[in-house]
Amino acid sequence: MTLPRSAPRRRALVLATLLGVALAAPAAQACTPSVARVELHDRTEHRTLDVHHHRGRQYVVGQPGNEYAIRVRNCSDGRVLAVVSVDGVNVVTGETAAPDQSGYVIEPYGEVTIQGWRKDLERTAAFYFSDPGDAYATRTGRPDDLGVIGVALFRERAPRWVYSPEAVASPPSVARQESAADAKASRQAMESSAGASTPLGTGHGRREWSPAQRVEFERAGSRPDQRVVIRYDRRENLVARGVLPRPRPWREPDPFPGALGFVPDP
């Protein structure tokens, strides 16, 4: 797992974690045809969170107070760079997130588990589902993008043995990105939904040992090869927004639910 830093020629100095990277080829069999697969794992309940699809978006249910991790599995036969954001904040640098920032490098058919905000080359501060006021983004003055996790994935540039002038990088694509207005409208719709309660954010939790090292990585292009967005919220909020079905009203079980009477005529 690795972190990049902006540099000329789109060459990045990244961090590779020394824990949580699986290099076994069988991992490729569990991937869909894409650059990488992203999952959220509830560390408190020891389970992978189910993804619910609604109007072209992906949602998971977060349990307040539970620690969680982001798992990224490389589905390709080359190294990839995963730039990861939580609540609009880069999980490596703490900057307001952008695709050209530092991230984690994952070996071919490997996977990495990101358990928290990186503090240095040895430690992270655990992710946990929190109230908005306790979220790291809120506490650092950036409360507008709570409840969303993004992963921008880049393939590595193949070695070039013949010199050629560097092409002018194209501006980052925004066609697939949700606009700020759309994000604001989505939050307002959630807040005004009947039965909706306080949304979720991600807190800055306990310190954990998570050693990493810096490695070099050059992106194949300036635009992400894949972009994954997963939104999270309380169950009651997702029900209010129509993402999850409303639970059936509870009724007292009847041992003899059939009506009493006699055999009717055919």
C-alpha atoms as a PDB file:
ATOM      1  CA  MET A   1       0.000   0.000   0.000  1.00  0.00           C
ATOM      2  CA  THR A   2       1.507   3.333  -0.961  1.00  0.00           C
ATOM      3  CA  LEU A   3       1.158   7.110  -0.814  1.00  0.00           C
ATOM      4  CA  PRO A   4       2.123   9.594  -3.645  1.00  0.00           C
ATOM      5  CA  ARG A   5       3.247  13.174  -3.645  1.00  0.00           C
ATOM      6  CA  SER A   6       2.802  15.601  -6.546  1.00  0.00           C
ATOM      7  CA  ALA A   7       5.962  15.972  -8.657  1.00  0.00           C
ATOM      8  CA  PRO A   8       7.005  16.844 -12.233  1.00  0.00           C
ATOM      9  CA  ARG A   9       6.150  14.409 -15.054  1.00  0.00           C
ATOM     10  CA  ARG A  10       3.368  12.950 -12.904  1.00  0.00           C
ATOM     11  CA  ARG A  11       5.993  10.967 -10.973  1.00  0.00           C
ATOM     12  CA  ALA A  12       4.910  10.411  -7.390  1.00  0.00           C
ATOM     13  CA  LEU A  13       6.791   9.513  -4.243  1.00  0.00           C
ATOM     14  CA  VAL A  14       4.355   7.214  -2.488  1.00  0.00           C
ATOM     15  CA  LEU A  15       4.095   5.150   0.679  1.00  0.00           C
ATOM     16  CA  ALA A  16       3.928   1.379   0.600  1.00  0.00           C
ATOM     17  CA  THR A  17       2.566  -0.183   3.778  1.00  0.00           C
ATOM     18  CA  LEU A  18       4.354  -3.176   5.185  1.00  0.00           C
ATOM     19  CA  LEU A  19       1.185  -4.771   6.555  1.00  0.00           C
ATOM     20  CA  GLY A  20      -2.081  -5.775   4.940  1.00  0.00           C
ATOM     21  CA  VAL A  21      -0.816  -6.354   1.386  1.00  0.00           C
ATOM     22  CA  ALA A  22      -1.740  -9.716  -0.134  1.00  0.00           C
ATOM     23  CA  LEU A  23       0.168 -10.733  -3.247  1.00  0.00           C
ATOM     24  CA  ALA A  24      -1.583 -14.034  -3.931  1.00  0.00           C
ATOM     25  CA  ALA A  25      -2.835 -14.364  -7.518  1.00  0.00           C
ATOM     26  CA  PRO A  26      -6.140 -16.055  -6.492  1.00  0.00           C
ATOM     27  CA  ALA A  27      -7.373 -12.623  -5.362  1.00  0.00           C
ATOM     28  CA  ALA A  28      -7.910 -11.781  -9.033  1.00  0.00           C
ATOM     29  CA  GLN A  29     -10.652 -14.404  -9.282  1.00  0.00           C
ATOM     30  CA  ALA A  30     -12.843 -12.460  -6.827  1.00  0.00           C
ATOM     31  CA  CYS A  31     -12.595  -9.191  -8.789  1.00  0.00           C
ATOM     32  CA  THR A  32     -15.001  -7.842 -11.320  1.00  0.00           C
ATOM     33  CA  PRO A  33     -13.530  -6.596 -14.621  1.00  0.00           C
ATOM     34  CA  SER A  34     -12.115  -3.330 -13.304  1.00  0.00           C
ATOM     35  CA  VAL A  35      -8.909  -1.817 -11.981  1.00  0.00           C
ATOM     36  CA  ALA A  36      -9.758  -2.468  -8.337  1.00  0.00           C
ATOM     37  CA  ARG A  37     -12.512  -3.479  -5.944  1.00  0.00           C
ATOM     38  CA  VAL A  38     -13.361  -1.423  -2.850  1.00  0.00           C
ATOM     39  CA  GLU A  39     -15.135  -2.671   0.287  1.00  0.00           C
ATOM     40  CA  LEU A  40     -15.868  -1.315   3.751  1.00  0.00           C
ATOM     41  CA  HIS A  41     -15.241  -3.649   6.678  1.00  0.00           C
ATOM     42  CA  ASP A  42     -16.809  -3.111  10.100  1.00  0.00           C
ATOM     43  CA  ARG A  43     -13.928  -3.920  12.445  1.00  0.00           C
ATOM     44  CA  THR A  44     -16.123  -3.897  15.552  1.00  0.00           C
ATOM     45  CA  GLU A  45     -18.599  -6.460  14.217  1.00  0.00           C
ATOM     46  CA  HIS A  46     -16.006  -8.321  12.086  1.00  0.00           C
ATOM     47  CA  ARG A  47     -17.978  -8.227   8.843  1.00  0.00           C
ATOM     48  CA  THR A  48     -17.917  -6.663   5.400  1.00  0.00           C
ATOM     49  CA  LEU A  49     -20.684  -4.090   4.995  1.00  0.00           C
ATOM     50  CA  ASP A  50     -23.342  -4.830   2.376  1.00  0.00           C
ATOM     51  CA  VAL A  51     -23.548  -2.346  -0.483  1.00  0.00           C
ATOM     52  CA  HIS A  52     -26.999  -1.043  -1.420  1.00  0.00           C
ATOM     53  CA  HIS A  53     -27.526   0.480  -4.875  1.00  0.00           C
ATOM     54  CA  HIS A  54     -29.943   3.368  -5.294  1.00  0.00           C
ATOM     55  CA  ARG A  55     -30.273   5.731  -8.271  1.00  0.00           C
ATOM     56  CA  GLY A  56     -26.800   4.934  -9.545  1.00  0.00           C
ATOM     57  CA  ARG A  57     -25.078   5.377  -6.174  1.00  0.00           C
ATOM     58  CA  GLN A  58     -23.634   2.953  -3.617  1.00  0.00           C
ATOM     59  CA  TYR A  59     -24.522   3.102   0.073  1.00  0.00           C
ATOM     60  CA  VAL A  60     -23.564   1.192   3.221  1.00  0.00           C
ATOM     61  CA  VAL A  61     -25.089   1.271   6.702  1.00  0.00           C
ATOM     62  CA  GLY A  62     -22.740   2.613   9.379  1.00  0.00           C
ATOM     63  CA  GLN A  63     -23.195   1.832  13.051  1.00  0.00           C
ATOM     64  CA  PRO A  64     -22.280   4.863  15.206  1.00  0.00           C
ATOM     65  CA  GLY A  65     -19.203   4.190  17.330  1.00  0.00           C
ATOM     66  CA  ASN A  66     -18.006   1.197  15.298  1.00  0.00           C
ATOM     67  CA  GLU A  67     -14.486   1.231  13.857  1.00  0.00           C
ATOM     68  CA  TYR A  68     -14.197   0.456  10.157  1.00  0.00           C
ATOM     69  CA  ALA A  69     -11.584  -0.057   7.450  1.00  0.00           C
ATOM     70  CA  ILE A  70     -11.412   0.503   3.696  1.00  0.00           C
ATOM     71  CA  ARG A  71     -10.207  -2.501   1.694  1.00  0.00           C
ATOM     72  CA  VAL A  72      -8.890  -1.975  -1.828  1.00  0.00           C
ATOM     73  CA  ARG A  73      -8.099  -5.017  -3.969  1.00  0.00           C
ATOM     74  CA  ASN A  74      -5.986  -4.637  -7.108  1.00  0.00           C
ATOM     75  CA  CYS A  75      -7.660  -6.601  -9.929  1.00  0.00           C
ATOM     76  CA  SER A  76      -4.877  -6.002 -12.446  1.00  0.00           C
ATOM     77  CA  ASP A  77      -1.463  -7.500 -13.244  1.00  0.00           C
ATOM     78  CA  GLY A  78       0.321  -4.194 -12.629  1.00  0.00           C
ATOM     79  CA  ARG A  79       0.804  -1.870  -9.682  1.00  0.00           C
ATOM     80  CA  VAL A  80      -1.929   0.689  -9.044  1.00  0.00           C
ATOM     81  CA  LEU A  81      -2.121   3.834  -6.964  1.00  0.00           C
ATOM     82  CA  ALA A  82      -5.218   4.371  -4.786  1.00  0.00           C
ATOM     83  CA  VAL A  83      -5.834   7.962  -3.686  1.00  0.00           C
ATOM     84  CA  VAL A  84      -8.354   7.640  -0.840  1.00  0.00           C
ATOM     85  CA  SER A  85     -10.588  10.301   0.676  1.00  0.00           C
ATOM     86  CA  VAL A  86     -12.978  10.167   3.635  1.00  0.00           C
ATOM     87  CA  ASP A  87     -15.469  13.002   4.137  1.00  0.00           C
ATOM     88  CA  GLY A  88     -13.593  14.989   1.494  1.00  0.00           C
ATOM     89  CA  VAL A  89     -10.212  14.651   3.278  1.00  0.00           C
ATOM     90  CA  ASN A  90      -7.145  12.781   1.997  1.00  0.00           C
ATOM     91  CA  VAL A  91      -6.504   9.935   4.465  1.00  0.00           C
ATOM     92  CA  VAL A  92      -2.715  10.175   4.044  1.00  0.00           C
ATOM     93  CA  THR A  93      -1.971  13.891   4.108  1.00  0.00           C
ATOM     94  CA  GLY A  94      -5.068  15.411   5.734  1.00  0.00           C
ATOM     95  CA  GLU A  95      -5.457  17.824   2.816  1.00  0.00           C
ATOM     96  CA  THR A  96      -8.801  18.633   1.252  1.00  0.00           C
ATOM     97  CA  ALA A  97      -8.901  15.709  -1.163  1.00  0.00           C
ATOM     98  CA  ALA A  98      -7.973  15.871  -4.854  1.00  0.00           C
ATOM     99  CA  PRO A  99      -7.099  12.993  -7.249  1.00  0.00           C
ATOM    100  CA  ASP A 100      -3.523  14.204  -7.840  1.00  0.00           C
ATOM    101  CA  GLN A 101      -2.481  13.793  -4.192  1.00  0.00           C
ATOM    102  CA  SER A 102      -0.732  11.053  -2.218  1.00  0.00           C
ATOM    103  CA  GLY A 103      -2.243   7.599  -1.882  1.00  0.00           C
ATOM    104  CA  TYR A 104      -1.430   3.921  -1.483  1.00  0.00           C
ATOM    105  CA  VAL A 105       0.368   1.740  -4.045  1.00  0.00           C
ATOM    106  CA  ILE A 106      -0.936  -1.823  -4.316  1.00  0.00           C
ATOM    107  CA  GLU A 107       1.005  -4.685  -5.886  1.00  0.00           C
ATOM    108  CA  PRO A 108      -0.470  -6.767  -8.765  1.00  0.00           C
ATOM    109  CA  TYR A 109      -3.468  -8.788  -7.532  1.00  0.00           C
ATOM    110  CA  GLY A 110      -2.720  -7.595  -4.012  1.00  0.00           C
ATOM    111  CA  GLU A 111      -4.934  -5.822  -1.539  1.00  0.00           C
ATOM    112  CA  VAL A 112      -4.550  -3.285   1.224  1.00  0.00           C
ATOM    113  CA  THR A 113      -6.621  -2.544   4.316  1.00  0.00           C
ATOM    114  CA  ILE A 114      -6.649   1.133   5.333  1.00  0.00           C
ATOM    115  CA  GLN A 115      -7.715   1.350   8.965  1.00  0.00           C
ATOM    116  CA  GLY A 116      -7.265   5.026   9.724  1.00  0.00           C
ATOM    117  CA  TRP A 117      -5.819   8.478   9.152  1.00  0.00           C
ATOM    118  CA  ARG A 118      -2.060   8.238   8.592  1.00  0.00           C
ATOM    119  CA  LYS A 119      -0.068  10.042  11.290  1.00  0.00           C
ATOM    120  CA  ASP A 120       3.455   9.043  10.223  1.00  0.00           C
ATOM    121  CA  LEU A 121       5.303   6.078   8.680  1.00  0.00           C
ATOM    122  CA  GLU A 122       4.455   3.875  11.653  1.00  0.00           C
ATOM    123  CA  ARG A 123       1.002   4.826  12.940  1.00  0.00           C
ATOM    124  CA  THR A 124      -2.582   5.598  11.944  1.00  0.00           C
ATOM    125  CA  ALA A 125      -5.577   6.963  13.877  1.00  0.00           C
ATOM    126  CA  ALA A 126      -8.541   4.587  13.537  1.00  0.00           C
ATOM    127  CA  PHE A 127     -11.604   5.381  11.446  1.00  0.00           C
ATOM    128  CA  TYR A 128     -14.914   5.119  13.310  1.00  0.00           C
ATOM    129  CA  PHE A 129     -18.470   6.150  12.502  1.00  0.00           C
ATOM    130  CA  SER A 130     -19.136   9.307  14.488  1.00  0.00           C
ATOM    131  CA  ASP A 131     -21.646  12.091  14.995  1.00  0.00           C
ATOM    132  CA  PRO A 132     -21.020  15.073  12.679  1.00  0.00           C
ATOM    133  CA  GLY A 133     -19.548  17.251  15.435  1.00  0.00           C
ATOM    134  CA  ASP A 134     -16.940  14.614  16.292  1.00  0.00           C
ATOM    135  CA  ALA A 135     -15.906  13.917  12.690  1.00  0.00           C
ATOM    136  CA  TYR A 136     -12.303  14.736  11.775  1.00  0.00           C
ATOM    137  CA  ALA A 137     -13.456  16.829   8.798  1.00  0.00           C
ATOM    138  CA  THR A 138     -15.735  18.905  11.034  1.00  0.00           C
ATOM    139  CA  ARG A 139     -13.059  19.367  13.680  1.00  0.00           C
ATOM    140  CA  THR A 140     -10.681  20.679  11.003  1.00  0.00           C
ATOM    141  CA  GLY A 141     -13.227  23.130   9.568  1.00  0.00           C
ATOM    142  CA  ARG A 142     -14.484  21.074   6.585  1.00  0.00           C
ATOM    143  CA  PRO A 143     -17.958  19.730   7.475  1.00  0.00           C
ATOM    144  CA  ASP A 144     -19.566  19.951   4.023  1.00  0.00           C
ATOM    145  CA  ASP A 145     -18.722  16.478   2.651  1.00  0.00           C
ATOM    146  CA  LEU A 146     -19.476  14.096   5.521  1.00  0.00           C
ATOM    147  CA  GLY A 147     -20.700  10.598   4.722  1.00  0.00           C
ATOM    148  CA  VAL A 148     -18.761   9.833   1.540  1.00  0.00           C
ATOM    149  CA  ILE A 149     -15.671   7.742   0.759  1.00  0.00           C
ATOM    150  CA  GLY A 150     -13.844   8.089  -2.545  1.00  0.00           C
ATOM    151  CA  VAL A 151     -11.058   6.077  -4.172  1.00  0.00           C
ATOM    152  CA  ALA A 152      -9.324   7.341  -7.325  1.00  0.00           C
ATOM    153  CA  LEU A 153      -7.270   4.580  -8.967  1.00  0.00           C
ATOM    154  CA  PHE A 154      -4.339   5.070 -11.329  1.00  0.00           C
ATOM    155  CA  ARG A 155      -2.405   2.504 -13.342  1.00  0.00           C
ATOM    156  CA  GLU A 156       1.389   2.756 -13.405  1.00  0.00           C
ATOM    157  CA  ARG A 157       3.172   4.103 -16.473  1.00  0.00           C
ATOM    158  CA  ALA A 158       5.109   1.434 -18.344  1.00  0.00           C
ATOM    159  CA  PRO A 159       8.903   2.005 -18.586  1.00  0.00           C
ATOM    160  CA  ARG A 160       9.883   4.170 -21.550  1.00  0.00           C
ATOM    161  CA  TRP A 161      13.251   3.487 -23.146  1.00  0.00           C
ATOM    162  CA  VAL A 162      13.086   6.074 -25.947  1.00  0.00           C
ATOM    163  CA  TYR A 163      13.110   9.767 -25.126  1.00  0.00           C
ATOM    164  CA  SER A 164      10.069  11.735 -26.188  1.00  0.00           C
ATOM    165  CA  PRO A 165       8.864  15.192 -25.115  1.00  0.00           C
ATOM    166  CA  GLU A 166       6.408  15.089 -22.267  1.00  0.00           C
ATOM    167  CA  ALA A 167       2.844  15.540 -23.468  1.00  0.00           C
ATOM    168  CA  VAL A 168       0.831  18.351 -21.960  1.00  0.00           C
ATOM    169  CA  ALA A 169      -1.424  16.873 -19.321  1.00  0.00           C
ATOM    170  CA  SER A 170      -5.119  17.170 -19.962  1.00  0.00           C
ATOM    171  CA  PRO A 171      -7.201  18.887 -17.280  1.00  0.00           C
ATOM    172  CA  PRO A 172      -8.798  16.470 -14.811  1.00  0.00           C
ATOM    173  CA  SER A 173     -12.134  15.110 -15.928  1.00  0.00           C
ATOM    174  CA  VAL A 174     -15.120  16.328 -13.961  1.00  0.00           C
ATOM    175  CA  ALA A 175     -17.833  14.672 -16.004  1.00  0.00           C
ATOM    176  CA  ARG A 176     -18.157  11.740 -13.616  1.00  0.00           C
ATOM    177  CA  GLN A 177     -17.712  13.764 -10.441  1.00  0.00           C
ATOM    178  CA  GLU A 178     -20.628  14.962  -8.409  1.00  0.00           C
ATOM    179  CA  SER A 179     -20.785  18.744  -8.418  1.00  0.00           C
ATOM    180  CA  ALA A 180     -20.796  20.755  -5.214  1.00  0.00           C
ATOM    181  CA  ALA A 181     -24.382  21.782  -5.967  1.00  0.00           C
ATOM    182  CA  ASP A 182     -25.442  18.144  -6.358  1.00  0.00           C
ATOM    183  CA  ALA A 183     -23.731  17.240  -3.085  1.00  0.00           C
ATOM    184  CA  LYS A 184     -25.476  20.102  -1.276  1.00  0.00           C
ATOM    185  CA  ALA A 185     -28.845  19.107  -2.731  1.00  0.00           C
ATOM    186  CA  SER A 186     -28.251  15.503  -1.666  1.00  0.00           C
ATOM    187  CA  ARG A 187     -27.511  16.584   1.918  1.00  0.00           C
ATOM    188  CA  GLN A 188     -30.565  18.834   2.017  1.00  0.00           C
ATOM    189  CA  ALA A 189     -32.768  16.029   0.729  1.00  0.00           C
ATOM    190  CA  MET A 190     -31.448  13.759   3.467  1.00  0.00           C
ATOM    191  CA  GLU A 191     -32.014  16.359   6.178  1.00  0.00           C
ATOM    192  CA  SER A 192     -35.574  17.096   5.026  1.00  0.00           C
ATOM    193  CA  SER A 193     -36.617  13.452   4.602  1.00  0.00           C
ATOM    194  CA  ALA A 194     -39.333  12.280   6.949  1.00  0.00           C
ATOM    195  CA  GLY A 195     -37.903  10.386   9.881  1.00  0.00           C
ATOM    196  CA  ALA A 196     -34.300  11.318   9.086  1.00  0.00           C
ATOM    197  CA  SER A 197     -31.941  11.766  12.040  1.00  0.00           C
ATOM    198  CA  THR A 198     -28.406  13.049  12.520  1.00  0.00           C
ATOM    199  CA  PRO A 199     -26.087  11.928   9.686  1.00  0.00           C
ATOM    200  CA  LEU A 200     -22.704  10.233  10.170  1.00  0.00           C
ATOM    201  CA  GLY A 201     -19.105  11.319   9.783  1.00  0.00           C
ATOM    202  CA  THR A 202     -15.752   9.626  10.450  1.00  0.00           C
ATOM    203  CA  GLY A 203     -13.857  10.249  13.666  1.00  0.00           C
ATOM    204  CA  HIS A 204     -10.123  10.397  14.451  1.00  0.00           C
ATOM    205  CA  GLY A 205      -9.700   7.438  16.799  1.00  0.00           C
ATOM    206  CA  ARG A 206      -7.092   5.462  18.670  1.00  0.00           C
ATOM    207  CA  ARG A 207      -3.512   5.239  17.413  1.00  0.00           C
ATOM    208  CA  GLU A 208      -2.456   1.932  15.838  1.00  0.00           C
ATOM    209  CA  TRP A 209       0.785   0.502  14.512  1.00  0.00           C
ATOM    210  CA  SER A 210       0.740   0.524  10.716  1.00  0.00           C
ATOM    211  CA  PRO A 211       4.267   0.693   9.253  1.00  0.00           C
ATOM    212  CA  ALA A 212       4.777   2.103   5.758  1.00  0.00           C
ATOM    213  CA  GLN A 213       7.638   3.097   3.491  1.00  0.00           C
ATOM    214  CA  ARG A 214       8.032   5.561   0.648  1.00  0.00           C
ATOM    215  CA  VAL A 215       8.211   4.196  -2.889  1.00  0.00           C
ATOM    216  CA  GLU A 216       8.281   5.766  -6.341  1.00  0.00           C
ATOM    217  CA  PHE A 217       5.290   5.560  -8.687  1.00  0.00           C
ATOM    218  CA  GLU A 218       4.592   7.298 -11.994  1.00  0.00           C
ATOM    219  CA  ARG A 219       0.980   7.498 -13.094  1.00  0.00           C
ATOM    220  CA  ALA A 220       0.105   6.384 -16.600  1.00  0.00           C
ATOM    221  CA  GLY A 221      -2.129   9.438 -16.984  1.00  0.00           C
ATOM    222  CA  SER A 222      -3.478  12.468 -15.177  1.00  0.00           C
ATOM    223  CA  ARG A 223      -7.037  11.147 -15.001  1.00  0.00           C
ATOM    224  CA  PRO A 224      -8.085   8.243 -12.750  1.00  0.00           C
ATOM    225  CA  ASP A 225      -8.508   4.923 -14.541  1.00  0.00           C
ATOM    226  CA  GLN A 226     -11.343   4.125 -12.117  1.00  0.00           C
ATOM    227  CA  ARG A 227     -13.246   6.117  -9.539  1.00  0.00           C
ATOM    228  CA  VAL A 228     -15.199   4.448  -6.719  1.00  0.00           C
ATOM    229  CA  VAL A 229     -17.610   6.369  -4.462  1.00  0.00           C
ATOM    230  CA  ILE A 230     -19.340   4.773  -1.460  1.00  0.00           C
ATOM    231  CA  ARG A 231     -21.691   6.751   0.773  1.00  0.00           C
ATOM    232  CA  TYR A 232     -22.448   5.788   4.359  1.00  0.00           C
ATOM    233  CA  ASP A 233     -25.145   6.749   6.838  1.00  0.00           C
ATOM    234  CA  ARG A 234     -27.332   5.501   9.671  1.00  0.00           C
ATOM    235  CA  ARG A 235     -29.903   2.860   8.770  1.00  0.00           C
ATOM    236  CA  GLU A 236     -32.855   5.111   9.651  1.00  0.00           C
ATOM    237  CA  ASN A 237     -31.570   7.847   7.339  1.00  0.00           C
ATOM    238  CA  LEU A 238     -31.140   5.427   4.442  1.00  0.00           C
ATOM    239  CA  VAL A 239     -34.686   4.161   5.028  1.00  0.00           C
ATOM    240  CA  ALA A 240     -35.992   7.745   5.048  1.00  0.00           C
ATOM    241  CA  ARG A 241     -34.241   8.450   1.757  1.00  0.00           C
ATOM    242  CA  GLY A 242     -35.619   5.331   0.081  1.00  0.00           C
ATOM    243  CA  VAL A 243     -32.270   3.546  -0.173  1.00  0.00           C
ATOM    244  CA  LEU A 244     -33.479   0.754   2.133  1.00  0.00           C
ATOM    245  CA  PRO A 245     -37.046  -0.594   2.360  1.00  0.00           C
ATOM    246  CA  ARG A 246     -39.116   0.381   5.344  1.00  0.00           C
ATOM    247  CA  PRO A 247     -39.380  -2.408   7.923  1.00  0.00           C
ATOM    248  CA  ARG A 248     -42.729  -4.156   8.195  1.00  0.00           C
ATOM    249  CA  PRO A 249     -44.779  -3.091  11.233  1.00  0.00           C
ATOM    250  CA  TRP A 250     -44.390  -5.494  14.119  1.00  0.00           C
ATOM    251  CA  ARG A 251     -47.454  -7.516  15.144  1.00  0.00           C
ATOM    252  CA  GLU A 252     -48.099  -9.976  17.953  1.00  0.00           C
ATOM    253  CA  PRO A 253     -47.727 -13.527  16.575  1.00  0.00           C
ATOM    254  CA  ASP A 254     -51.010 -15.479  16.420  1.00  0.00           C
ATOM    255  CA  PRO A 255     -50.743 -19.241  16.934  1.00  0.00           C
ATOM    256  CA  PHE A 256     -53.944 -19.776  14.908  1.00  0.00           C
ATOM    257  CA  PRO A 257     -54.016 -17.090  12.219  1.00  0.00           C
ATOM    258  CA  GLY A 258     -56.713 -18.772  10.144  1.00  0.00           C
ATOM    259  CA  ALA A 259     -60.323 -17.609  10.622  1.00  0.00           C
ATOM    260  CA  LEU A 260     -62.534 -19.948  12.671  1.00  0.00           C
ATOM    261  CA  GLY A 261     -65.547 -21.437  10.912  1.00  0.00           C
ATOM    262  CA  PHE A 262     -66.713 -24.369   8.796  1.00  0.00           C
ATOM    263  CA  VAL A 263     -65.984 -25.684   5.313  1.00  0.00           C
ATOM    264  CA  PRO A 264     -67.601 -23.413   2.693  1.00  0.00           C
ATOM    265  CA  ASP A 265     -69.348 -24.664  -0.439  1.00  0.00           C
ATOM    266  CA  PRO A 266     -67.106 -25.021  -3.504  1.00  0.00           C
END
